Amino acid sequence: KNLHILNLGLNCLDSIPTSLGALKELQEIGLFDNSLTTIPNSV
């Protein structure tokens, strides 16, 4: 709940869990260089 910066870049992600929308304090998120075709509105 206190996470402000999360970097998930350069992995093998094909989607982002909608549950990450619970990280209300998040200010920066890195999702670059994955296999994403969409990003959930919750994020």
All heavy atoms as atom14 arrays in JSON, in Angstrom:
{
  "sequence": "KNLHILNLGLNCLDSIPTSLGALKELQEIGLFDNSLTTIPNSV",
  "atom14_mask": [
    [1, 1, 1, 1, 1, 1, 1, 1, 1, 0, 0, 0, 0, 0],
    [1, 1, 1, 1, 1, 1, 1, 1, 0, 0, 0, 0, 0, 0],
    [1, 1, 1, 1, 1, 1, 1, 1, 0, 0, 0, 0, 0, 0],
    [1, 1, 1, 1, 1, 1, 1, 1, 1, 1, 0, 0, 0, 0],
    [1, 1, 1, 1, 1, 1, 1, 1, 0, 0, 0, 0, 0, 0],
    [1, 1, 1, 1, 1, 1, 1, 1, 0, 0, 0, 0, 0, 0],
    [1, 1, 1, 1, 1, 1, 1, 1, 0, 0, 0, 0, 0, 0],
    [1, 1, 1, 1, 1, 1, 1, 1, 0, 0, 0, 0, 0, 0],
    [1, 1, 1, 1, 0, 0, 0, 0, 0, 0, 0, 0, 0, 0],
    [1, 1, 1, 1, 1, 1, 1, 1, 0, 0, 0, 0, 0, 0],
    [1, 1, 1, 1, 1, 1, 1, 1, 0, 0, 0, 0, 0, 0],
    [1, 1, 1, 1, 1, 1, 0, 0, 0, 0, 0, 0, 0, 0],
    [1, 1, 1, 1, 1, 1, 1, 1, 0, 0, 0, 0, 0, 0],
    [1, 1, 1, 1, 1, 1, 1, 1, 0, 0, 0, 0, 0, 0],
    [1, 1, 1, 1, 1, 1, 0, 0, 0, 0, 0, 0, 0, 0],
    [1, 1, 1, 1, 1, 1, 1, 1, 0, 0, 0, 0, 0, 0],
    [1, 1, 1, 1, 1, 1, 1, 0, 0, 0, 0, 0, 0, 0],
    [1, 1, 1, 1, 1, 1, 1, 0, 0, 0, 0, 0, 0, 0],
    [1, 1, 1, 1, 1, 1, 0, 0, 0, 0, 0, 0, 0, 0],
    [1, 1, 1, 1, 1, 1, 1, 1, 0, 0, 0, 0, 0, 0],
    [1, 1, 1, 1, 0, 0, 0, 0, 0, 0, 0, 0, 0, 0],
    [1, 1, 1, 1, 1, 0, 0, 0, 0, 0, 0, 0, 0, 0],
    [1, 1, 1, 1, 1, 1, 1, 1, 0, 0, 0, 0, 0, 0],
    [1, 1, 1, 1, 1, 1, 1, 1, 1, 0, 0, 0, 0, 0],
    [1, 1, 1, 1, 1, 1, 1, 1, 1, 0, 0, 0, 0, 0],
    [1, 1, 1, 1, 1, 1, 1, 1, 0, 0, 0, 0, 0, 0],
    [1, 1, 1, 1, 1, 1, 1, 1, 1, 0, 0, 0, 0, 0],
    [1, 1, 1, 1, 1, 1, 1, 1, 1, 0, 0, 0, 0, 0],
    [1, 1, 1, 1, 1, 1, 1, 1, 0, 0, 0, 0, 0, 0],
    [1, 1, 1, 1, 0, 0, 0, 0, 0, 0, 0, 0, 0, 0],
    [1, 1, 1, 1, 1, 1, 1, 1, 0, 0, 0, 0, 0, 0],
    [1, 1, 1, 1, 1, 1, 1, 1, 1, 1, 1, 0, 0, 0],
    [1, 1, 1, 1, 1, 1, 1, 1, 0, 0, 0, 0, 0, 0],
    [1, 1, 1, 1, 1, 1, 1, 1, 0, 0, 0, 0, 0, 0],
    [1, 1, 1, 1, 1, 1, 0, 0, 0, 0, 0, 0, 0, 0],
    [1, 1, 1, 1, 1, 1, 1, 1, 0, 0, 0, 0, 0, 0],
    [1, 1, 1, 1, 1, 1, 1, 0, 0, 0, 0, 0, 0, 0],
    [1, 1, 1, 1, 1, 1, 1, 0, 0, 0, 0, 0, 0, 0],
    [1, 1, 1, 1, 1, 1, 1, 1, 0, 0, 0, 0, 0, 0],
    [1, 1, 1, 1, 1, 1, 1, 0, 0, 0, 0, 0, 0, 0],
    [1, 1, 1, 1, 1, 1, 1, 1, 0, 0, 0, 0, 0, 0],
    [1, 1, 1, 1, 1, 1, 0, 0, 0, 0, 0, 0, 0, 0],
    [1, 1, 1, 1, 1, 1, 1, 0, 0, 0, 0, 0, 0, 0]
  ],
  "atom14_positions": [
    [[0.8, -1.22, 0.0], [0.0, 0.0, 0.0], [0.83, 1.27, 0.0], [0.32, 2.35, -0.36], [-0.94, 0.01, 1.21], [-1.88, -1.19, 1.28], [-2.77, -1.3, 0.05], [-3.76, -2.45, 0.19], [-4.62, -2.61, -1.0], [0.0, 0.0, 0.0], [0.0, 0.0, 0.0], [0.0, 0.0, 0.0], [0.0, 0.0, 0.0], [0.0, 0.0, 0.0]],
    [[2.1, 1.2, 0.41], [2.94, 2.39, 0.45], [3.85, 2.52, -0.76], [4.7, 3.42, -0.82], [3.79, 2.39, 1.73], [2.96, 2.63, 2.97], [2.17, 3.57, 3.02], [3.12, 1.77, 3.97], [0.0, 0.0, 0.0], [0.0, 0.0, 0.0], [0.0, 0.0, 0.0], [0.0, 0.0, 0.0], [0.0, 0.0, 0.0], [0.0, 0.0, 0.0]],
    [[3.7, 1.62, -1.74], [4.58, 1.63, -2.9], [4.34, 2.86, -3.77], [3.21, 3.15, -4.17], [4.36, 0.35, -3.72], [5.47, -0.03, -4.69], [6.76, -0.35, -3.93], [5.05, -1.25, -5.51], [0.0, 0.0, 0.0], [0.0, 0.0, 0.0], [0.0, 0.0, 0.0], [0.0, 0.0, 0.0], [0.0, 0.0, 0.0], [0.0, 0.0, 0.0]],
    [[5.42, 3.58, -4.07], [5.35, 4.77, -4.93], [5.93, 4.52, -6.32], [5.5, 5.14, -7.29], [6.1, 5.94, -4.29], [5.34, 6.62, -3.2], [4.86, 5.96, -2.09], [4.98, 7.92, -3.04], [4.24, 6.83, -1.3], [4.29, 8.02, -1.86], [0.0, 0.0, 0.0], [0.0, 0.0, 0.0], [0.0, 0.0, 0.0], [0.0, 0.0, 0.0]],
    [[6.93, 3.64, -6.41], [7.6, 3.39, -7.68], [7.7, 1.88, -7.91], [8.21, 1.15, -7.05], [9.01, 4.01, -7.71], [8.91, 5.53, -7.54], [9.73, 3.67, -9.01], [10.27, 6.22, -7.48], [0.0, 0.0, 0.0], [0.0, 0.0, 0.0], [0.0, 0.0, 0.0], [0.0, 0.0, 0.0], [0.0, 0.0, 0.0], [0.0, 0.0, 0.0]],
    [[7.21, 1.43, -9.05], [7.24, 0.01, -9.41], [7.75, -0.13, -10.83], [7.18, 0.45, -11.76], [5.84, -0.6, -9.29], [5.69, -2.04, -9.78], [6.55, -2.99, -8.97], [4.21, -2.47, -9.71], [0.0, 0.0, 0.0], [0.0, 0.0, 0.0], [0.0, 0.0, 0.0], [0.0, 0.0, 0.0], [0.0, 0.0, 0.0], [0.0, 0.0, 0.0]],
    [[8.81, -0.9, -11.01], [9.37, -1.11, -12.35], [9.24, -2.58, -12.73], [9.88, -3.45, -12.13], [10.84, -0.69, -12.39], [11.36, -0.58, -13.82], [10.69, -1.0, -14.76], [12.53, -0.02, -13.97], [0.0, 0.0, 0.0], [0.0, 0.0, 0.0], [0.0, 0.0, 0.0], [0.0, 0.0, 0.0], [0.0, 0.0, 0.0], [0.0, 0.0, 0.0]],
    [[8.4, -2.85, -13.73], [8.19, -4.2, -14.25], [8.69, -4.34, -15.69], [8.38, -5.31, -16.36], [6.69, -4.53, -14.21], [6.04, -4.67, -12.83], [4.53, -4.67, -12.95], [6.51, -5.94, -12.15], [0.0, 0.0, 0.0], [0.0, 0.0, 0.0], [0.0, 0.0, 0.0], [0.0, 0.0, 0.0], [0.0, 0.0, 0.0], [0.0, 0.0, 0.0]],
    [[9.45, -3.37, -16.15], [9.91, -3.39, -17.53], [10.85, -4.53, -17.85], [11.43, -5.16, -16.97], [0.0, 0.0, 0.0], [0.0, 0.0, 0.0], [0.0, 0.0, 0.0], [0.0, 0.0, 0.0], [0.0, 0.0, 0.0], [0.0, 0.0, 0.0], [0.0, 0.0, 0.0], [0.0, 0.0, 0.0], [0.0, 0.0, 0.0], [0.0, 0.0, 0.0]],
    [[10.97, -4.82, -19.16], [11.89, -5.85, -19.64], [11.66, -7.21, -18.99], [12.57, -7.83, -18.46], [13.35, -5.41, -19.42], [13.97, -4.58, -20.55], [15.3, -4.0, -20.11], [14.18, -5.46, -21.78], [0.0, 0.0, 0.0], [0.0, 0.0, 0.0], [0.0, 0.0, 0.0], [0.0, 0.0, 0.0], [0.0, 0.0, 0.0], [0.0, 0.0, 0.0]],
    [[10.4, -7.63, -19.02], [10.05, -8.97, -18.55], [9.25, -9.68, -19.64], [9.38, -9.33, -20.81], [9.27, -8.87, -17.23], [10.21, -8.73, -16.03], [10.92, -9.67, -15.66], [10.21, -7.55, -15.41], [0.0, 0.0, 0.0], [0.0, 0.0, 0.0], [0.0, 0.0, 0.0], [0.0, 0.0, 0.0], [0.0, 0.0, 0.0], [0.0, 0.0, 0.0]],
    [[8.45, -10.65, -19.26], [7.68, -11.44, -20.23], [6.19, -11.35, -19.92], [5.46, -12.34, -20.02], [8.14, -12.89, -20.2], [9.92, -13.14, -20.43], [0.0, 0.0, 0.0], [0.0, 0.0, 0.0], [0.0, 0.0, 0.0], [0.0, 0.0, 0.0], [0.0, 0.0, 0.0], [0.0, 0.0, 0.0], [0.0, 0.0, 0.0], [0.0, 0.0, 0.0]],
    [[5.74, -10.17, -19.57], [4.35, -9.97, -19.18], [3.45, -9.79, -20.4], [3.73, -8.95, -21.25], [4.24, -8.75, -18.26], [5.15, -8.73, -17.03], [4.97, -7.43, -16.27], [4.87, -9.92, -16.14], [0.0, 0.0, 0.0], [0.0, 0.0, 0.0], [0.0, 0.0, 0.0], [0.0, 0.0, 0.0], [0.0, 0.0, 0.0], [0.0, 0.0, 0.0]],
    [[2.37, -10.56, -20.47], [1.41, -10.37, -21.56], [0.16, -9.63, -21.1], [-0.71, -9.27, -21.9], [1.03, -11.7, -22.22], [0.52, -12.72, -21.21], [0.07, -12.32, -20.12], [0.56, -13.93, -21.53], [0.0, 0.0, 0.0], [0.0, 0.0, 0.0], [0.0, 0.0, 0.0], [0.0, 0.0, 0.0], [0.0, 0.0, 0.0], [0.0, 0.0, 0.0]],
    [[0.07, -9.39, -19.8], [-1.04, -8.6, -19.25], [-0.63, -8.09, -17.87], [0.33, -8.58, -17.27], [-2.33, -9.42, -19.16], [-2.17, -10.49, -18.24], [0.0, 0.0, 0.0], [0.0, 0.0, 0.0], [0.0, 0.0, 0.0], [0.0, 0.0, 0.0], [0.0, 0.0, 0.0], [0.0, 0.0, 0.0], [0.0, 0.0, 0.0], [0.0, 0.0, 0.0]],
    [[-1.37, -7.1, -17.41], [-1.13, -6.52, -16.09], [-2.32, -6.84, -15.21], [-3.47, -6.55, -15.59], [-0.93, -4.99, -16.18], [0.3, -4.67, -17.02], [-0.77, -4.39, -14.78], [1.6, -5.22, -16.48], [0.0, 0.0, 0.0], [0.0, 0.0, 0.0], [0.0, 0.0, 0.0], [0.0, 0.0, 0.0], [0.0, 0.0, 0.0], [0.0, 0.0, 0.0]],
    [[-2.11, -7.42, -14.03], [-3.24, -7.74, -13.15], [-4.02, -6.49, -12.77], [-3.44, -5.47, -12.39], [-2.55, -8.35, -11.91], [-1.21, -8.81, -12.39], [-0.81, -7.84, -13.46], [0.0, 0.0, 0.0], [0.0, 0.0, 0.0], [0.0, 0.0, 0.0], [0.0, 0.0, 0.0], [0.0, 0.0, 0.0], [0.0, 0.0, 0.0], [0.0, 0.0, 0.0]],
    [[-5.32, -6.57, -12.87], [-6.16, -5.43, -12.48], [-6.02, -5.12, -11.0], [-6.28, -4.0, -10.57], [-7.63, -5.71, -12.8], [-8.04, -6.9, -12.11], [-7.84, -5.92, -14.29], [0.0, 0.0, 0.0], [0.0, 0.0, 0.0], [0.0, 0.0, 0.0], [0.0, 0.0, 0.0], [0.0, 0.0, 0.0], [0.0, 0.0, 0.0], [0.0, 0.0, 0.0]],
    [[-5.58, -6.11, -10.22], [-5.43, -5.93, -8.78], [-4.38, -4.9, -8.41], [-4.38, -4.37, -7.3], [-5.1, -7.28, -8.1], [-3.9, -7.82, -8.63], [0.0, 0.0, 0.0], [0.0, 0.0, 0.0], [0.0, 0.0, 0.0], [0.0, 0.0, 0.0], [0.0, 0.0, 0.0], [0.0, 0.0, 0.0], [0.0, 0.0, 0.0], [0.0, 0.0, 0.0]],
    [[-3.49, -4.58, -9.37], [-2.49, -3.54, -9.08], [-3.14, -2.17, -8.92], [-2.51, -1.23, -8.45], [-1.43, -3.49, -10.19], [-0.47, -4.68, -10.27], [0.62, -4.42, -11.32], [0.17, -4.97, -8.93], [0.0, 0.0, 0.0], [0.0, 0.0, 0.0], [0.0, 0.0, 0.0], [0.0, 0.0, 0.0], [0.0, 0.0, 0.0], [0.0, 0.0, 0.0]],
    [[-4.4, -2.09, -9.29], [-5.15, -0.85, -9.08], [-5.35, -0.55, -7.61], [-5.8, 0.55, -7.26], [0.0, 0.0, 0.0], [0.0, 0.0, 0.0], [0.0, 0.0, 0.0], [0.0, 0.0, 0.0], [0.0, 0.0, 0.0], [0.0, 0.0, 0.0], [0.0, 0.0, 0.0], [0.0, 0.0, 0.0], [0.0, 0.0, 0.0], [0.0, 0.0, 0.0]],
    [[-5.01, -1.49, -6.74], [-5.12, -1.27, -5.3], [-3.95, -0.45, -4.76], [-3.99, 0.0, -3.61], [-5.19, -2.61, -4.56], [0.0, 0.0, 0.0], [0.0, 0.0, 0.0], [0.0, 0.0, 0.0], [0.0, 0.0, 0.0], [0.0, 0.0, 0.0], [0.0, 0.0, 0.0], [0.0, 0.0, 0.0], [0.0, 0.0, 0.0], [0.0, 0.0, 0.0]],
    [[-2.93, -0.23, -5.59], [-1.74, 0.51, -5.14], [-2.0, 2.01, -5.3], [-1.45, 2.66, -6.19], [-0.51, 0.07, -5.95], [-0.2, -1.44, -5.9], [1.02, -1.75, -6.76], [0.02, -1.89, -4.47], [0.0, 0.0, 0.0], [0.0, 0.0, 0.0], [0.0, 0.0, 0.0], [0.0, 0.0, 0.0], [0.0, 0.0, 0.0], [0.0, 0.0, 0.0]],
    [[-2.81, 2.55, -4.44], [-3.29, 3.92, -4.58], [-2.19, 4.97, -4.44], [-2.36, 6.11, -4.89], [-4.38, 4.19, -3.54], [-5.57, 3.24, -3.62], [-6.24, 3.3, -4.98], [-7.48, 2.4, -5.02], [-8.12, 2.38, -6.36], [0.0, 0.0, 0.0], [0.0, 0.0, 0.0], [0.0, 0.0, 0.0], [0.0, 0.0, 0.0], [0.0, 0.0, 0.0]],
    [[-1.06, 4.62, -3.82], [0.02, 5.59, -3.65], [1.01, 5.58, -4.81], [1.95, 6.37, -4.84], [0.78, 5.32, -2.34], [-0.06, 5.47, -1.09], [-0.61, 6.86, -0.94], [0.12, 7.83, -1.23], [-1.79, 7.0, -0.55], [0.0, 0.0, 0.0], [0.0, 0.0, 0.0], [0.0, 0.0, 0.0], [0.0, 0.0, 0.0], [0.0, 0.0, 0.0]],
    [[0.82, 4.68, -5.76], [1.76, 4.53, -6.86], [1.84, 5.8, -7.71], [0.83, 6.33, -8.14], [1.36, 3.35, -7.74], [2.46, 2.7, -8.58], [3.53, 2.1, -7.67], [1.88, 1.61, -9.46], [0.0, 0.0, 0.0], [0.0, 0.0, 0.0], [0.0, 0.0, 0.0], [0.0, 0.0, 0.0], [0.0, 0.0, 0.0], [0.0, 0.0, 0.0]],
    [[3.08, 6.27, -7.92], [3.31, 7.48, -8.71], [4.01, 7.19, -10.03], [3.82, 7.91, -11.0], [4.15, 8.48, -7.9], [3.45, 8.99, -6.66], [4.28, 10.01, -5.91], [5.33, 10.46, -6.37], [3.83, 10.39, -4.74], [0.0, 0.0, 0.0], [0.0, 0.0, 0.0], [0.0, 0.0, 0.0], [0.0, 0.0, 0.0], [0.0, 0.0, 0.0]],
    [[4.83, 6.14, -10.07], [5.54, 5.8, -11.3], [5.48, 4.29, -11.5], [5.66, 3.52, -10.57], [7.01, 6.24, -11.23], [7.2, 7.73, -11.06], [8.67, 8.12, -11.1], [9.5, 7.3, -11.55], [9.0, 9.24, -10.7], [0.0, 0.0, 0.0], [0.0, 0.0, 0.0], [0.0, 0.0, 0.0], [0.0, 0.0, 0.0], [0.0, 0.0, 0.0]],
    [[5.24, 3.89, -12.75], [5.24, 2.47, -13.07], [5.9, 2.25, -14.42], [5.59, 2.94, -15.4], [3.82, 1.87, -13.04], [3.88, 0.36, -13.29], [2.89, 2.57, -14.01], [2.56, -0.35, -13.02], [0.0, 0.0, 0.0], [0.0, 0.0, 0.0], [0.0, 0.0, 0.0], [0.0, 0.0, 0.0], [0.0, 0.0, 0.0], [0.0, 0.0, 0.0]],
    [[6.84, 1.32, -14.48], [7.53, 0.97, -15.73], [6.99, -0.35, -16.26], [7.03, -1.37, -15.57], [0.0, 0.0, 0.0], [0.0, 0.0, 0.0], [0.0, 0.0, 0.0], [0.0, 0.0, 0.0], [0.0, 0.0, 0.0], [0.0, 0.0, 0.0], [0.0, 0.0, 0.0], [0.0, 0.0, 0.0], [0.0, 0.0, 0.0], [0.0, 0.0, 0.0]],
    [[6.46, -0.32, -17.49], [5.9, -1.52, -18.13], [6.53, -1.76, -19.49], [6.06, -2.6, -20.25], [4.38, -1.35, -18.29], [3.58, -1.12, -17.01], [2.12, -0.82, -17.35], [3.67, -2.32, -16.09], [0.0, 0.0, 0.0], [0.0, 0.0, 0.0], [0.0, 0.0, 0.0], [0.0, 0.0, 0.0], [0.0, 0.0, 0.0], [0.0, 0.0, 0.0]],
    [[7.59, -1.04, -19.79], [8.21, -1.09, -21.11], [8.79, -2.47, -21.44], [9.09, -3.27, -20.56], [9.33, -0.04, -21.18], [10.29, -0.12, -20.03], [11.37, -0.97, -20.05], [10.1, 0.67, -18.89], [12.25, -1.06, -18.98], [10.96, 0.59, -17.82], [12.05, -0.28, -17.87], [0.0, 0.0, 0.0], [0.0, 0.0, 0.0], [0.0, 0.0, 0.0]],
    [[8.93, -2.74, -22.74], [9.58, -3.96, -23.23], [8.97, -5.23, -22.64], [9.67, -6.08, -22.1], [11.08, -3.91, -22.93], [11.79, -2.82, -23.71], [11.98, -2.98, -24.92], [12.13, -1.79, -23.1], [0.0, 0.0, 0.0], [0.0, 0.0, 0.0], [0.0, 0.0, 0.0], [0.0, 0.0, 0.0], [0.0, 0.0, 0.0], [0.0, 0.0, 0.0]],
    [[7.65, -5.35, -22.77], [6.96, -6.58, -22.42], [6.15, -7.03, -23.62], [6.47, -6.67, -24.76], [6.07, -6.34, -21.19], [6.85, -6.43, -19.88], [7.28, -7.5, -19.47], [7.05, -5.28, -19.24], [0.0, 0.0, 0.0], [0.0, 0.0, 0.0], [0.0, 0.0, 0.0], [0.0, 0.0, 0.0], [0.0, 0.0, 0.0], [0.0, 0.0, 0.0]],
    [[5.09, -7.8, -23.41], [4.24, -8.27, -24.5], [2.8, -7.83, -24.28], [1.85, -8.55, -24.58], [4.32, -9.8, -24.61], [5.65, -10.22, -24.87], [0.0, 0.0, 0.0], [0.0, 0.0, 0.0], [0.0, 0.0, 0.0], [0.0, 0.0, 0.0], [0.0, 0.0, 0.0], [0.0, 0.0, 0.0], [0.0, 0.0, 0.0], [0.0, 0.0, 0.0]],
    [[2.65, -6.63, -23.77], [1.32, -6.12, -23.41], [0.55, -5.64, -24.64], [1.1, -5.0, -25.52], [1.46, -4.97, -22.42], [2.23, -5.27, -21.13], [2.38, -4.0, -20.3], [1.53, -6.36, -20.33], [0.0, 0.0, 0.0], [0.0, 0.0, 0.0], [0.0, 0.0, 0.0], [0.0, 0.0, 0.0], [0.0, 0.0, 0.0], [0.0, 0.0, 0.0]],
    [[-0.73, -5.95, -24.66], [-1.61, -5.42, -25.71], [-2.64, -4.47, -25.11], [-3.36, -3.8, -25.85], [-2.35, -6.57, -26.42], [-3.07, -7.35, -25.47], [-1.35, -7.47, -27.16], [0.0, 0.0, 0.0], [0.0, 0.0, 0.0], [0.0, 0.0, 0.0], [0.0, 0.0, 0.0], [0.0, 0.0, 0.0], [0.0, 0.0, 0.0], [0.0, 0.0, 0.0]],
    [[-2.71, -4.42, -23.81], [-3.63, -3.51, -23.13], [-3.16, -3.27, -21.71], [-2.35, -4.05, -21.18], [-5.07, -4.09, -23.12], [-5.96, -3.12, -22.57], [-5.13, -5.35, -22.29], [0.0, 0.0, 0.0], [0.0, 0.0, 0.0], [0.0, 0.0, 0.0], [0.0, 0.0, 0.0], [0.0, 0.0, 0.0], [0.0, 0.0, 0.0], [0.0, 0.0, 0.0]],
    [[-3.63, -2.19, -21.12], [-3.34, -1.87, -19.73], [-4.69, -1.61, -19.06], [-5.48, -0.8, -19.55], [-2.43, -0.64, -19.6], [-1.06, -0.95, -20.22], [-2.24, -0.24, -18.13], [-0.12, 0.23, -20.22], [0.0, 0.0, 0.0], [0.0, 0.0, 0.0], [0.0, 0.0, 0.0], [0.0, 0.0, 0.0], [0.0, 0.0, 0.0], [0.0, 0.0, 0.0]],
    [[-4.97, -2.27, -17.95], [-6.28, -2.11, -17.32], [-6.53, -0.69, -16.82], [-5.59, 0.0, -16.39], [-6.24, -3.11, -16.16], [-4.79, -3.34, -15.9], [-4.11, -3.23, -17.22], [0.0, 0.0, 0.0], [0.0, 0.0, 0.0], [0.0, 0.0, 0.0], [0.0, 0.0, 0.0], [0.0, 0.0, 0.0], [0.0, 0.0, 0.0], [0.0, 0.0, 0.0]],
    [[-7.77, -0.27, -16.9], [-8.13, 1.07, -16.44], [-7.81, 1.27, -14.96], [-7.51, 2.38, -14.52], [-9.62, 1.33, -16.68], [-9.94, 1.52, -18.15], [-9.1, 1.98, -18.92], [-11.14, 1.15, -18.55], [0.0, 0.0, 0.0], [0.0, 0.0, 0.0], [0.0, 0.0, 0.0], [0.0, 0.0, 0.0], [0.0, 0.0, 0.0], [0.0, 0.0, 0.0]],
    [[-7.88, 0.19, -14.18], [-7.59, 0.31, -12.76], [-6.18, 0.78, -12.51], [-5.89, 1.42, -11.49], [-7.81, -1.05, -12.07], [-6.93, -2.03, -12.59], [0.0, 0.0, 0.0], [0.0, 0.0, 0.0], [0.0, 0.0, 0.0], [0.0, 0.0, 0.0], [0.0, 0.0, 0.0], [0.0, 0.0, 0.0], [0.0, 0.0, 0.0], [0.0, 0.0, 0.0]],
    [[-5.27, 0.49, -13.44], [-3.87, 0.95, -13.33], [-3.71, 2.32, -13.95], [-3.1, 3.22, -13.36], [-2.92, -0.07, -13.99], [-1.48, 0.47, -14.01], [-2.96, -1.4, -13.25], [0.0, 0.0, 0.0], [0.0, 0.0, 0.0], [0.0, 0.0, 0.0], [0.0, 0.0, 0.0], [0.0, 0.0, 0.0], [0.0, 0.0, 0.0], [0.0, 0.0, 0.0]]
  ]
}
